[in-house]
């Protein structure tokens, strides 16, 4: 049987790995959103050359952004799905570890 300190260290490593996976998924989502934004800006910059006083975005621009976002998410769906499944597995492993070793969640998690 592991000592309490070893159990806590293992739990901390598991939680750190989970947090790292969440950060990676957030980076992927930000990359997708930024690329969709750049694609939309380049599209409406080419079609509208009225100067500085033009409106920021029209409904068509927003629709184009959403379409680009959906297309980019579809292109990277394998990576997103893999990260989402990994997050679910990690969360399940952390929960099982806590139950098996009878460790309570930190107080900030309980408040949520």
PDB file of N, CA and C in Angstrom:
ATOM      1  N   UNK A   1       0.838  -1.186   0.000  1.00  0.00           N
ATOM      2  CA  UNK A   1       0.000   0.000   0.000  1.00  0.00           C
ATOM      3  C   UNK A   1       0.876   1.240   0.000  1.00  0.00           C
ATOM      4  N   UNK A   2       0.440   2.225  -0.698  1.00  0.00           N
ATOM      5  CA  UNK A   2       1.178   3.470  -0.787  1.00  0.00           C
ATOM      6  C   UNK A   2       0.956   4.312   0.459  1.00  0.00           C
ATOM      7  N   UNK A   3       1.947   5.125   0.752  1.00  0.00           N
ATOM      8  CA  UNK A   3       1.783   6.046   1.872  1.00  0.00           C
ATOM      9  C   UNK A   3       0.894   7.216   1.434  1.00  0.00           C
ATOM     10  N   UNK A   4       0.422   7.946   2.397  1.00  0.00           N
ATOM     11  CA  UNK A   4      -0.458   9.077   2.115  1.00  0.00           C
ATOM     12  C   UNK A   4       0.256  10.117   1.246  1.00  0.00           C
ATOM     13  N   UNK A   5       1.528  10.341   1.519  1.00  0.00           N
ATOM     14  CA  UNK A   5       2.291  11.331   0.753  1.00  0.00           C
ATOM     15  C   UNK A   5       2.420  10.877  -0.706  1.00  0.00           C
ATOM     16  N   UNK A   6       2.678   9.594  -0.924  1.00  0.00           N
ATOM     17  CA  UNK A   6       2.766   9.074  -2.290  1.00  0.00           C
ATOM     18  C   UNK A   6       1.423   9.177  -3.011  1.00  0.00           C
ATOM     19  N   UNK A   7       0.344   8.918  -2.288  1.00  0.00           N
ATOM     20  CA  UNK A   7      -0.992   9.025  -2.882  1.00  0.00           C
ATOM     21  C   UNK A   7      -1.266  10.466  -3.301  1.00  0.00           C
ATOM     22  N   UNK A   8      -0.933  11.404  -2.412  1.00  0.00           N
ATOM     23  CA  UNK A   8      -1.154  12.816  -2.727  1.00  0.00           C
ATOM     24  C   UNK A   8      -0.303  13.260  -3.913  1.00  0.00           C
ATOM     25  N   UNK A   9       0.938  12.779  -3.971  1.00  0.00           N
ATOM     26  CA  UNK A   9       1.813  13.136  -5.085  1.00  0.00           C
ATOM     27  C   UNK A   9       1.262  12.583  -6.398  1.00  0.00           C
ATOM     28  N   UNK A  10       0.781  11.357  -6.355  1.00  0.00           N
ATOM     29  CA  UNK A  10       0.218  10.756  -7.569  1.00  0.00           C
ATOM     30  C   UNK A  10      -1.034  11.514  -8.013  1.00  0.00           C
ATOM     31  N   UNK A  11      -1.885  11.872  -7.062  1.00  0.00           N
ATOM     32  CA  UNK A  11      -3.079  12.646  -7.386  1.00  0.00           C
ATOM     33  C   UNK A  11      -2.699  14.001  -7.974  1.00  0.00           C
ATOM     34  N   UNK A  12      -1.686  14.626  -7.419  1.00  0.00           N
ATOM     35  CA  UNK A  12      -1.234  15.918  -7.942  1.00  0.00           C
ATOM     36  C   UNK A  12      -0.728  15.777  -9.378  1.00  0.00           C
ATOM     37  N   UNK A  13       0.001  14.700  -9.676  1.00  0.00           N
ATOM     38  CA  UNK A  13       0.473  14.468 -11.042  1.00  0.00           C
ATOM     39  C   UNK A  13      -0.701  14.238 -11.989  1.00  0.00           C
ATOM     40  N   UNK A  14      -1.684  13.489 -11.540  1.00  0.00           N
ATOM     41  CA  UNK A  14      -2.860  13.232 -12.377  1.00  0.00           C
ATOM     42  C   UNK A  14      -3.614  14.530 -12.665  1.00  0.00           C
ATOM     43  N   UNK A  15      -3.771  15.360 -11.636  1.00  0.00           N
ATOM     44  CA  UNK A  15      -4.473  16.634 -11.827  1.00  0.00           C
ATOM     45  C   UNK A  15      -3.677  17.581 -12.712  1.00  0.00           C
ATOM     46  N   UNK A  16      -2.347  17.558 -12.594  1.00  0.00           N
ATOM     47  CA  UNK A  16      -1.515  18.397 -13.459  1.00  0.00           C
ATOM     48  C   UNK A  16      -1.633  17.956 -14.916  1.00  0.00           C
ATOM     49  N   UNK A  17      -1.655  16.660 -15.164  1.00  0.00           N
ATOM     50  CA  UNK A  17      -1.820  16.145 -16.526  1.00  0.00           C
ATOM     51  C   UNK A  17      -3.187  16.536 -17.088  1.00  0.00           C
ATOM     52  N   UNK A  18      -4.217  16.482 -16.254  1.00  0.00           N
ATOM     53  CA  UNK A  18      -5.568  16.879 -16.666  1.00  0.00           C
ATOM     54  C   UNK A  18      -5.595  18.360 -17.029  1.00  0.00           C
ATOM     55  N   UNK A  19      -4.967  19.183 -16.202  1.00  0.00           N
ATOM     56  CA  UNK A  19      -4.926  20.624 -16.471  1.00  0.00           C
ATOM     57  C   UNK A  19      -4.160  20.912 -17.758  1.00  0.00           C
ATOM     58  N   UNK A  20      -3.084  20.183 -18.004  1.00  0.00           N
ATOM     59  CA  UNK A  20      -2.305  20.362 -19.221  1.00  0.00           C
ATOM     60  C   UNK A  20      -3.134  19.994 -20.460  1.00  0.00           C
ATOM     61  N   UNK A  21      -3.905  18.949 -20.378  1.00  0.00           N
ATOM     62  CA  UNK A  21      -4.771  18.562 -21.492  1.00  0.00           C
ATOM     63  C   UNK A  21      -5.838  19.626 -21.731  1.00  0.00           C
ATOM     64  N   UNK A  22      -6.397  20.184 -20.658  1.00  0.00           N
ATOM     65  CA  UNK A  22      -7.378  21.270 -20.812  1.00  0.00           C
ATOM     66  C   UNK A  22      -6.745  22.475 -21.491  1.00  0.00           C
ATOM     67  N   UNK A  23      -5.517  22.817 -21.096  1.00  0.00           N
ATOM     68  CA  UNK A  23      -4.824  23.940 -21.724  1.00  0.00           C
ATOM     69  C   UNK A  23      -4.585  23.671 -23.209  1.00  0.00           C
ATOM     70  N   UNK A  24      -4.212  22.453 -23.547  1.00  0.00           N
ATOM     71  CA  UNK A  24      -3.974  22.108 -24.948  1.00  0.00           C
ATOM     72  C   UNK A  24      -5.257  22.242 -25.765  1.00  0.00           C
ATOM     73  N   UNK A  25      -6.368  21.777 -25.214  1.00  0.00           N
ATOM     74  CA  UNK A  25      -7.648  21.906 -25.909  1.00  0.00           C
ATOM     75  C   UNK A  25      -8.022  23.379 -26.084  1.00  0.00           C
ATOM     76  N   UNK A  26      -7.770  24.188 -25.071  1.00  0.00           N
ATOM     77  CA  UNK A  26      -8.057  25.625 -25.171  1.00  0.00           C
ATOM     78  C   UNK A  26      -7.192  26.282 -26.243  1.00  0.00           C
ATOM     79  N   UNK A  27      -5.936  25.863 -26.350  1.00  0.00           N
ATOM     80  CA  UNK A  27      -5.049  26.408 -27.380  1.00  0.00           C
ATOM     81  C   UNK A  27      -5.583  26.066 -28.767  1.00  0.00           C
ATOM     82  N   UNK A  28      -6.006  24.836 -28.953  1.00  0.00           N
ATOM     83  CA  UNK A  28      -6.556  24.415 -30.253  1.00  0.00           C
ATOM     84  C   UNK A  28      -7.784  25.256 -30.595  1.00  0.00           C
ATOM     85  N   UNK A  29      -8.673  25.451 -29.633  1.00  0.00           N
ATOM     86  CA  UNK A  29      -9.880  26.254 -29.869  1.00  0.00           C
ATOM     87  C   UNK A  29      -9.524  27.704 -30.211  1.00  0.00           C
ATOM     88  N   UNK A  30      -8.546  28.273 -29.510  1.00  0.00           N
ATOM     89  CA  UNK A  30      -8.122  29.646 -29.812  1.00  0.00           C
ATOM     90  C   UNK A  30      -7.497  29.737 -31.201  1.00  0.00           C
ATOM     91  N   UNK A  31      -6.716  28.736 -31.576  1.00  0.00           N
ATOM     92  CA  UNK A  31      -6.116  28.728 -32.917  1.00  0.00           C
ATOM     93  C   UNK A  31      -7.183  28.691 -33.993  1.00  0.00           C
ATOM     94  N   UNK A  32      -8.192  27.877 -33.783  1.00  0.00           N
ATOM     95  CA  UNK A  32      -9.279  27.769 -34.755  1.00  0.00           C
ATOM     96  C   UNK A  32     -10.027  29.093 -34.867  1.00  0.00           C
ATOM     97  N   UNK A  33     -10.358  29.687 -33.728  1.00  0.00           N
ATOM     98  CA  UNK A  33     -11.095  30.956 -33.738  1.00  0.00           C
ATOM     99  C   UNK A  33     -10.268  32.067 -34.392  1.00  0.00           C
ATOM    100  N   UNK A  34      -8.979  32.114 -34.090  1.00  0.00           N
ATOM    101  CA  UNK A  34      -8.124  33.151 -34.666  1.00  0.00           C
ATOM    102  C   UNK A  34      -8.008  32.994 -36.181  1.00  0.00           C
ATOM    103  N   UNK A  35      -7.875  31.765 -36.632  1.00  0.00           N
ATOM    104  CA  UNK A  35      -7.766  31.539 -38.078  1.00  0.00           C
ATOM    105  C   UNK A  35      -9.074  31.887 -38.776  1.00  0.00           C
ATOM    106  N   UNK A  36     -10.205  31.526 -38.187  1.00  0.00           N
ATOM    107  CA  UNK A  36     -11.503  31.882 -38.784  1.00  0.00           C
ATOM    108  C   UNK A  36     -11.652  33.397 -38.840  1.00  0.00           C
ATOM    109  N   UNK A  37     -11.205  34.074 -37.807  1.00  0.00           N
ATOM    110  CA  UNK A  37     -11.267  35.545 -37.783  1.00  0.00           C
ATOM    111  C   UNK A  37     -10.404  36.132 -38.899  1.00  0.00           C
ATOM    112  N   UNK A  38      -9.189  35.615 -39.054  1.00  0.00           N
ATOM    113  CA  UNK A  38      -8.300  36.117 -40.114  1.00  0.00           C
ATOM    114  C   UNK A  38      -8.894  35.866 -41.496  1.00  0.00           C
ATOM    115  N   UNK A  39      -9.495  34.683 -41.667  1.00  0.00           N
ATOM    116  CA  UNK A  39     -10.108  34.374 -42.960  1.00  0.00           C
ATOM    117  C   UNK A  39     -11.256  35.341 -43.258  1.00  0.00           C
ATOM    118  N   UNK A  40     -12.056  35.638 -42.257  1.00  0.00           N
ATOM    119  CA  UNK A  40     -13.189  36.539 -42.443  1.00  0.00           C
ATOM    120  C   UNK A  40     -12.719  37.956 -42.725  1.00  0.00           C
ATOM    121  N   UNK A  41     -11.724  38.401 -41.988  1.00  0.00           N
ATOM    122  CA  UNK A  41     -11.206  39.756 -42.186  1.00  0.00           C
ATOM    123  C   UNK A  41     -10.632  39.909 -43.588  1.00  0.00           C
ATOM    124  N   UNK A  42      -9.877  38.917 -44.029  1.00  0.00           N
ATOM    125  CA  UNK A  42      -9.292  39.030 -45.371  1.00  0.00           C
ATOM    126  C   UNK A  42     -10.378  39.010 -46.445  1.00  0.00           C
ATOM    127  N   UNK A  43     -11.450  38.278 -46.205  1.00  0.00           N
ATOM    128  CA  UNK A  43     -12.536  38.226 -47.176  1.00  0.00           C
ATOM    129  C   UNK A  43     -13.248  39.559 -47.269  1.00  0.00           C
ATOM    130  N   UNK A  44     -13.615  40.153 -46.118  1.00  0.00           N
ATOM    131  CA  UNK A  44     -14.368  41.396 -46.235  1.00  0.00           C
ATOM    132  C   UNK A  44     -13.478  42.590 -46.460  1.00  0.00           C
ATOM    133  N   UNK A  45     -12.175  42.474 -46.232  1.00  0.00           N
ATOM    134  CA  UNK A  45     -11.259  43.558 -46.587  1.00  0.00           C
ATOM    135  C   UNK A  45     -11.121  43.644 -48.096  1.00  0.00           C
ATOM    136  N   UNK A  46     -11.185  42.511 -48.769  1.00  0.00           N
ATOM    137  CA  UNK A  46     -11.075  42.502 -50.228  1.00  0.00           C
ATOM    138  C   UNK A  46     -12.343  43.044 -50.882  1.00  0.00           C
ATOM    139  N   UNK A  47     -13.490  42.805 -50.266  1.00  0.00           N
ATOM    140  CA  UNK A  47     -14.745  43.216 -50.889  1.00  0.00           C
ATOM    141  C   UNK A  47     -15.165  44.633 -50.512  1.00  0.00           C
ATOM    142  N   UNK A  48     -14.677  45.137 -49.394  1.00  0.00           N
ATOM    143  CA  UNK A  48     -15.081  46.474 -48.947  1.00  0.00           C
ATOM    144  C   UNK A  48     -13.852  47.356 -48.774  1.00  0.00           C
ATOM    145  N   UNK A  49     -13.703  48.274 -49.656  1.00  0.00           N
ATOM    146  CA  UNK A  49     -12.577  49.204 -49.556  1.00  0.00           C
ATOM    147  C   UNK A  49     -13.112  50.630 -49.505  1.00  0.00           C
ATOM    148  N   UNK A  50     -14.025  50.884 -48.569  1.00  0.00           N
ATOM    149  CA  UNK A  50     -14.656  52.200 -48.474  1.00  0.00           C
ATOM    150  C   UNK A  50     -13.910  53.150 -47.551  1.00  0.00           C
ATOM    151  N   UNK A  51     -12.937  52.690 -46.829  1.00  0.00           N
ATOM    152  CA  UNK A  51     -12.202  53.570 -45.930  1.00  0.00           C
ATOM    153  C   UNK A  51     -12.463  53.228 -44.479  1.00  0.00           C
ATOM    154  N   UNK A  52     -12.030  54.102 -43.634  1.00  0.00           N
ATOM    155  CA  UNK A  52     -12.107  53.856 -42.194  1.00  0.00           C
ATOM    156  C   UNK A  52     -13.505  53.954 -41.612  1.00  0.00           C
ATOM    157  N   UNK A  53     -14.360  54.684 -42.211  1.00  0.00           N
ATOM    158  CA  UNK A  53     -15.667  54.949 -41.618  1.00  0.00           C
ATOM    159  C   UNK A  53     -16.696  53.852 -41.897  1.00  0.00           C
ATOM    160  N   UNK A  54     -16.275  52.751 -42.469  1.00  0.00           N
ATOM    161  CA  UNK A  54     -17.229  51.678 -42.742  1.00  0.00           C
ATOM    162  C   UNK A  54     -17.598  50.956 -41.451  1.00  0.00           C
ATOM    163  N   UNK A  55     -18.717  50.261 -41.485  1.00  0.00           N
ATOM    164  CA  UNK A  55     -19.148  49.516 -40.312  1.00  0.00           C
ATOM    165  C   UNK A  55     -18.209  48.353 -40.061  1.00  0.00           C
ATOM    166  N   UNK A  56     -18.192  47.890 -38.843  1.00  0.00           N
ATOM    167  CA  UNK A  56     -17.249  46.832 -38.465  1.00  0.00           C
ATOM    168  C   UNK A  56     -17.590  45.499 -39.127  1.00  0.00           C
ATOM    169  N   UNK A  57     -18.819  45.024 -38.922  1.00  0.00           N
ATOM    170  CA  UNK A  57     -19.218  43.727 -39.477  1.00  0.00           C
ATOM    171  C   UNK A  57     -20.690  43.736 -39.826  1.00  0.00           C
ATOM    172  N   UNK A  58     -20.991  43.024 -40.867  1.00  0.00           N
ATOM    173  CA  UNK A  58     -22.399  42.859 -41.237  1.00  0.00           C
ATOM    174  C   UNK A  58     -22.826  41.447 -40.856  1.00  0.00           C
ATOM    175  N   UNK A  59     -24.081  41.168 -41.070  1.00  0.00           N
ATOM    176  CA  UNK A  59     -24.584  39.816 -40.805  1.00  0.00           C
ATOM    177  C   UNK A  59     -23.911  38.795 -41.719  1.00  0.00           C
ATOM    178  N   UNK A  60     -23.646  39.191 -42.926  1.00  0.00           N
ATOM    179  CA  UNK A  60     -22.978  38.290 -43.866  1.00  0.00           C
ATOM    180  C   UNK A  60     -21.561  37.966 -43.385  1.00  0.00           C
ATOM    181  N   UNK A  61     -20.890  38.971 -42.825  1.00  0.00           N
ATOM    182  CA  UNK A  61     -19.550  38.728 -42.290  1.00  0.00           C
ATOM    183  C   UNK A  61     -19.598  37.765 -41.113  1.00  0.00           C
ATOM    184  N   UNK A  62     -20.578  37.932 -40.254  1.00  0.00           N
ATOM    185  CA  UNK A  62     -20.728  37.034 -39.103  1.00  0.00           C
ATOM    186  C   UNK A  62     -21.050  35.620 -39.570  1.00  0.00           C
ATOM    187  N   UNK A  63     -21.898  35.505 -40.581  1.00  0.00           N
ATOM    188  CA  UNK A  63     -22.228  34.195 -41.134  1.00  0.00           C
ATOM    189  C   UNK A  63     -20.981  33.552 -41.746  1.00  0.00           C
ATOM    190  N   UNK A  64     -20.188  34.346 -42.453  1.00  0.00           N
ATOM    191  CA  UNK A  64     -18.948  33.840 -43.040  1.00  0.00           C
ATOM    192  C   UNK A  64     -17.991  33.371 -41.943  1.00  0.00           C
ATOM    193  N   UNK A  65     -17.907  34.126 -40.851  1.00  0.00           N
ATOM    194  CA  UNK A  65     -17.054  33.737 -39.723  1.00  0.00           C
ATOM    195  C   UNK A  65     -17.514  32.403 -39.123  1.00  0.00           C
ATOM    196  N   UNK A  66     -18.818  32.269 -38.901  1.00  0.00           N
ATOM    197  CA  UNK A  66     -19.349  31.030 -38.325  1.00  0.00           C
ATOM    198  C   UNK A  66     -19.126  29.838 -39.259  1.00  0.00           C
ATOM    199  N   UNK A  67     -19.265  30.063 -40.563  1.00  0.00           N
ATOM    200  CA  UNK A  67     -19.015  28.987 -41.522  1.00  0.00           C
ATOM    201  C   UNK A  67     -17.546  28.580 -41.525  1.00  0.00           C
ATOM    202  N   UNK A  68     -16.662  29.568 -41.464  1.00  0.00           N
ATOM    203  CA  UNK A  68     -15.226  29.280 -41.417  1.00  0.00           C
ATOM    204  C   UNK A  68     -14.875  28.537 -40.133  1.00  0.00           C
ATOM    205  N   UNK A  69     -15.467  28.967 -39.040  1.00  0.00           N
ATOM    206  CA  UNK A  69     -15.229  28.326 -37.749  1.00  0.00           C
ATOM    207  C   UNK A  69     -15.673  26.864 -37.777  1.00  0.00           C
ATOM    208  N   UNK A  70     -16.840  26.626 -38.329  1.00  0.00           N
ATOM    209  CA  UNK A  70     -17.350  25.255 -38.416  1.00  0.00           C
ATOM    210  C   UNK A  70     -16.467  24.396 -39.321  1.00  0.00           C
ATOM    211  N   UNK A  71     -16.025  24.954 -40.433  1.00  0.00           N
ATOM    212  CA  UNK A  71     -15.174  24.205 -41.357  1.00  0.00           C
ATOM    213  C   UNK A  71     -13.829  23.862 -40.715  1.00  0.00           C
ATOM    214  N   UNK A  72     -13.249  24.823 -40.003  1.00  0.00           N
ATOM    215  CA  UNK A  72     -11.959  24.572 -39.351  1.00  0.00           C
ATOM    216  C   UNK A  72     -12.096  23.570 -38.217  1.00  0.00           C
ATOM    217  N   UNK A  73     -13.188  23.655 -37.475  1.00  0.00           N
ATOM    218  CA  UNK A  73     -13.426  22.660 -36.420  1.00  0.00           C
ATOM    219  C   UNK A  73     -13.595  21.268 -37.023  1.00  0.00           C
ATOM    220  N   UNK A  74     -14.265  21.210 -38.168  1.00  0.00           N
ATOM    221  CA  UNK A  74     -14.453  19.927 -38.834  1.00  0.00           C
ATOM    222  C   UNK A  74     -13.113  19.360 -39.288  1.00  0.00           C
ATOM    223  N   UNK A  75     -12.233  20.225 -39.797  1.00  0.00           N
ATOM    224  CA  UNK A  75     -10.913  19.773 -40.235  1.00  0.00           C
ATOM    225  C   UNK A  75     -10.101  19.206 -39.075  1.00  0.00           C
ATOM    226  N   UNK A  76     -10.246  19.799 -37.899  1.00  0.00           N
ATOM    227  CA  UNK A  76      -9.450  19.370 -36.747  1.00  0.00           C
ATOM    228  C   UNK A  76     -10.254  18.547 -35.750  1.00  0.00           C
ATOM    229  N   UNK A  77     -11.356  17.977 -36.219  1.00  0.00           N
ATOM    230  CA  UNK A  77     -12.239  17.231 -35.322  1.00  0.00           C
ATOM    231  C   UNK A  77     -11.549  16.030 -34.686  1.00  0.00           C
ATOM    232  N   UNK A  78     -10.634  15.406 -35.393  1.00  0.00           N
ATOM    233  CA  UNK A  78      -9.927  14.256 -34.836  1.00  0.00           C
ATOM    234  C   UNK A  78      -9.123  14.645 -33.605  1.00  0.00           C
ATOM    235  N   UNK A  79      -8.401  15.732 -33.721  1.00  0.00           N
ATOM    236  CA  UNK A  79      -7.605  16.217 -32.587  1.00  0.00           C
ATOM    237  C   UNK A  79      -8.489  16.666 -31.432  1.00  0.00           C
ATOM    238  N   UNK A  80      -9.559  17.372 -31.745  1.00  0.00           N
ATOM    239  CA  UNK A  80     -10.469  17.852 -30.698  1.00  0.00           C
ATOM    240  C   UNK A  80     -11.140  16.678 -29.998  1.00  0.00           C
ATOM    241  N   UNK A  81     -11.605  15.708 -30.779  1.00  0.00           N
ATOM    242  CA  UNK A  81     -12.250  14.531 -30.183  1.00  0.00           C
ATOM    243  C   UNK A  81     -11.284  13.744 -29.315  1.00  0.00           C
ATOM    244  N   UNK A  82     -10.053  13.588 -29.782  1.00  0.00           N
ATOM    245  CA  UNK A  82      -9.056  12.846 -29.002  1.00  0.00           C
ATOM    246  C   UNK A  82      -8.777  13.547 -27.673  1.00  0.00           C
ATOM    247  N   UNK A  83      -8.640  14.870 -27.712  1.00  0.00           N
ATOM    248  CA  UNK A  83      -8.392  15.609 -26.474  1.00  0.00           C
ATOM    249  C   UNK A  83      -9.596  15.557 -25.539  1.00  0.00           C
ATOM    250  N   UNK A  84     -10.794  15.627 -26.097  1.00  0.00           N
ATOM    251  CA  UNK A  84     -12.001  15.552 -25.280  1.00  0.00           C
ATOM    252  C   UNK A  84     -12.127  14.185 -24.614  1.00  0.00           C
ATOM    253  N   UNK A  85     -11.851  13.122 -25.370  1.00  0.00           N
ATOM    254  CA  UNK A  85     -11.887  11.775 -24.786  1.00  0.00           C
ATOM    255  C   UNK A  85     -10.813  11.611 -23.712  1.00  0.00           C
ATOM    256  N   UNK A  86      -9.641  12.169 -23.971  1.00  0.00           N
ATOM    257  CA  UNK A  86      -8.557  12.088 -22.992  1.00  0.00           C
ATOM    258  C   UNK A  86      -8.943  12.810 -21.706  1.00  0.00           C
ATOM    259  N   UNK A  87      -9.578  13.974 -21.838  1.00  0.00           N
ATOM    260  CA  UNK A  87     -10.048  14.709 -20.650  1.00  0.00           C
ATOM    261  C   UNK A  87     -11.047  13.884 -19.857  1.00  0.00           C
ATOM    262  N   UNK A  88     -11.968  13.235 -20.546  1.00  0.00           N
ATOM    263  CA  UNK A  88     -12.970  12.416 -19.869  1.00  0.00           C
ATOM    264  C   UNK A  88     -12.318  11.239 -19.138  1.00  0.00           C
ATOM    265  N   UNK A  89     -11.353  10.583 -19.800  1.00  0.00           N
ATOM    266  CA  UNK A  89     -10.641   9.477 -19.151  1.00  0.00           C
ATOM    267  C   UNK A  89      -9.869   9.951 -17.933  1.00  0.00           C
ATOM    268  N   UNK A  90      -9.204  11.093 -18.063  1.00  0.00           N
ATOM    269  CA  UNK A  90      -8.433  11.617 -16.941  1.00  0.00           C
ATOM    270  C   UNK A  90      -9.344  11.996 -15.776  1.00  0.00           C
ATOM    271  N   UNK A  91     -10.471  12.620 -16.072  1.00  0.00           N
ATOM    272  CA  UNK A  91     -11.406  12.986 -15.006  1.00  0.00           C
ATOM    273  C   UNK A  91     -11.941  11.737 -14.312  1.00  0.00           C
ATOM    274  N   UNK A  92     -12.251  10.714 -15.097  1.00  0.00           N
ATOM    275  CA  UNK A  92     -12.716   9.456 -14.512  1.00  0.00           C
ATOM    276  C   UNK A  92     -11.656   8.802 -13.645  1.00  0.00           C
ATOM    277  N   UNK A  93     -10.401   8.826 -14.096  1.00  0.00           N
ATOM    278  CA  UNK A  93      -9.308   8.238 -13.323  1.00  0.00           C
ATOM    279  C   UNK A  93      -9.083   9.000 -12.018  1.00  0.00           C
ATOM    280  N   UNK A  94      -9.186  10.314 -12.079  1.00  0.00           N
ATOM    281  CA  UNK A  94      -9.029  11.116 -10.865  1.00  0.00           C
ATOM    282  C   UNK A  94     -10.154  10.814  -9.887  1.00  0.00           C
ATOM    283  N   UNK A  95     -11.380  10.736 -10.393  1.00  0.00           N
ATOM    284  CA  UNK A  95     -12.516  10.430  -9.518  1.00  0.00           C
ATOM    285  C   UNK A  95     -12.380   9.037  -8.904  1.00  0.00           C
ATOM    286  N   UNK A  96     -11.972   8.062  -9.712  1.00  0.00           N
ATOM    287  CA  UNK A  96     -11.791   6.699  -9.197  1.00  0.00           C
ATOM    288  C   UNK A  96     -10.671   6.650  -8.167  1.00  0.00           C
ATOM    289  N   UNK A  97      -9.613   7.380  -8.401  1.00  0.00           N
ATOM    290  CA  UNK A  97      -8.497   7.432  -7.457  1.00  0.00           C
ATOM    291  C   UNK A  97      -8.958   8.012  -6.121  1.00  0.00           C
ATOM    292  N   UNK A  98      -9.743   9.103  -6.211  1.00  0.00           N
ATOM    293  CA  UNK A  98     -10.253   9.732  -4.988  1.00  0.00           C
ATOM    294  C   UNK A  98     -11.157   8.772  -4.210  1.00  0.00           C
ATOM    295  N   UNK A  99     -11.997   8.035  -4.906  1.00  0.00           N
ATOM    296  CA  UNK A  99     -12.903   7.093  -4.245  1.00  0.00           C
ATOM    297  C   UNK A  99     -12.108   5.935  -3.639  1.00  0.00           C
ATOM    298  N   UNK A 100     -11.174   5.396  -4.410  1.00  0.00           N
ATOM    299  CA  UNK A 100     -10.407   4.243  -3.955  1.00  0.00           C
ATOM    300  C   UNK A 100      -9.577   4.562  -2.715  1.00  0.00           C
ATOM    301  N   UNK A 101      -8.945   5.723  -2.720  1.00  0.00           N
ATOM    302  CA  UNK A 101      -8.089   6.096  -1.594  1.00  0.00           C
ATOM    303  C   UNK A 101      -8.788   7.011  -0.588  1.00  0.00           C
ATOM    304  N   UNK A 102     -10.083   7.215  -0.799  1.00  0.00           N
ATOM    305  CA  UNK A 102     -10.913   8.023   0.110  1.00  0.00           C
ATOM    306  C   UNK A 102     -10.331   9.418   0.340  1.00  0.00           C
ATOM    307  N   UNK A 103     -10.046  10.094  -0.752  1.00  0.00           N
ATOM    308  CA  UNK A 103      -9.540  11.467  -0.694  1.00  0.00           C
ATOM    309  C   UNK A 103     -10.648  12.397  -1.161  1.00  0.00           C
ATOM    310  N   UNK A 104     -10.885  13.420  -0.409  1.00  0.00           N
ATOM    311  CA  UNK A 104     -11.899  14.375  -0.769  1.00  0.00           C
ATOM    312  C   UNK A 104     -11.355  15.364  -1.788  1.00  0.00           C
ATOM    313  N   UNK A 105     -12.269  15.922  -2.541  1.00  0.00           N
ATOM    314  CA  UNK A 105     -11.900  16.956  -3.496  1.00  0.00           C
ATOM    315  C   UNK A 105     -11.510  18.220  -2.721  1.00  0.00           C
ATOM    316  N   UNK A 106     -10.623  19.042  -3.287  1.00  0.00           N
ATOM    317  CA  UNK A 106     -10.289  20.307  -2.625  1.00  0.00           C
ATOM    318  C   UNK A 106     -11.527  21.170  -2.446  1.00  0.00           C
ATOM    319  N   UNK A 107     -11.485  22.056  -1.484  1.00  0.00           N
ATOM    320  CA  UNK A 107     -12.670  22.869  -1.160  1.00  0.00           C
ATOM    321  C   UNK A 107     -13.116  23.742  -2.309  1.00  0.00           C
ATOM    322  N   UNK A 108     -12.205  24.240  -3.170  1.00  0.00           N
ATOM    323  CA  UNK A 108     -12.624  25.080  -4.287  1.00  0.00           C
ATOM    324  C   UNK A 108     -13.410  24.288  -5.323  1.00  0.00           C
ATOM    325  N   UNK A 109     -13.151  22.981  -5.458  1.00  0.00           N
ATOM    326  CA  UNK A 109     -13.928  22.148  -6.367  1.00  0.00           C
ATOM    327  C   UNK A 109     -15.319  21.877  -5.793  1.00  0.00           C
ATOM    328  N   UNK A 110     -15.412  21.773  -4.485  1.00  0.00           N
ATOM    329  CA  UNK A 110     -16.706  21.504  -3.860  1.00  0.00           C
ATOM    330  C   UNK A 110     -17.645  22.697  -3.978  1.00  0.00           C
ATOM    331  N   UNK A 111     -17.084  23.907  -4.041  1.00  0.00           N
ATOM    332  CA  UNK A 111     -17.906  25.108  -4.129  1.00  0.00           C
ATOM    333  C   UNK A 111     -18.594  25.225  -5.475  1.00  0.00           C
ATOM    334  N   UNK A 112     -18.025  24.598  -6.503  1.00  0.00           N
ATOM    335  CA  UNK A 112     -18.607  24.670  -7.844  1.00  0.00           C
ATOM    336  C   UNK A 112     -19.841  23.836  -7.858  1.00  0.00           C
TER     337      UNK A 112
END
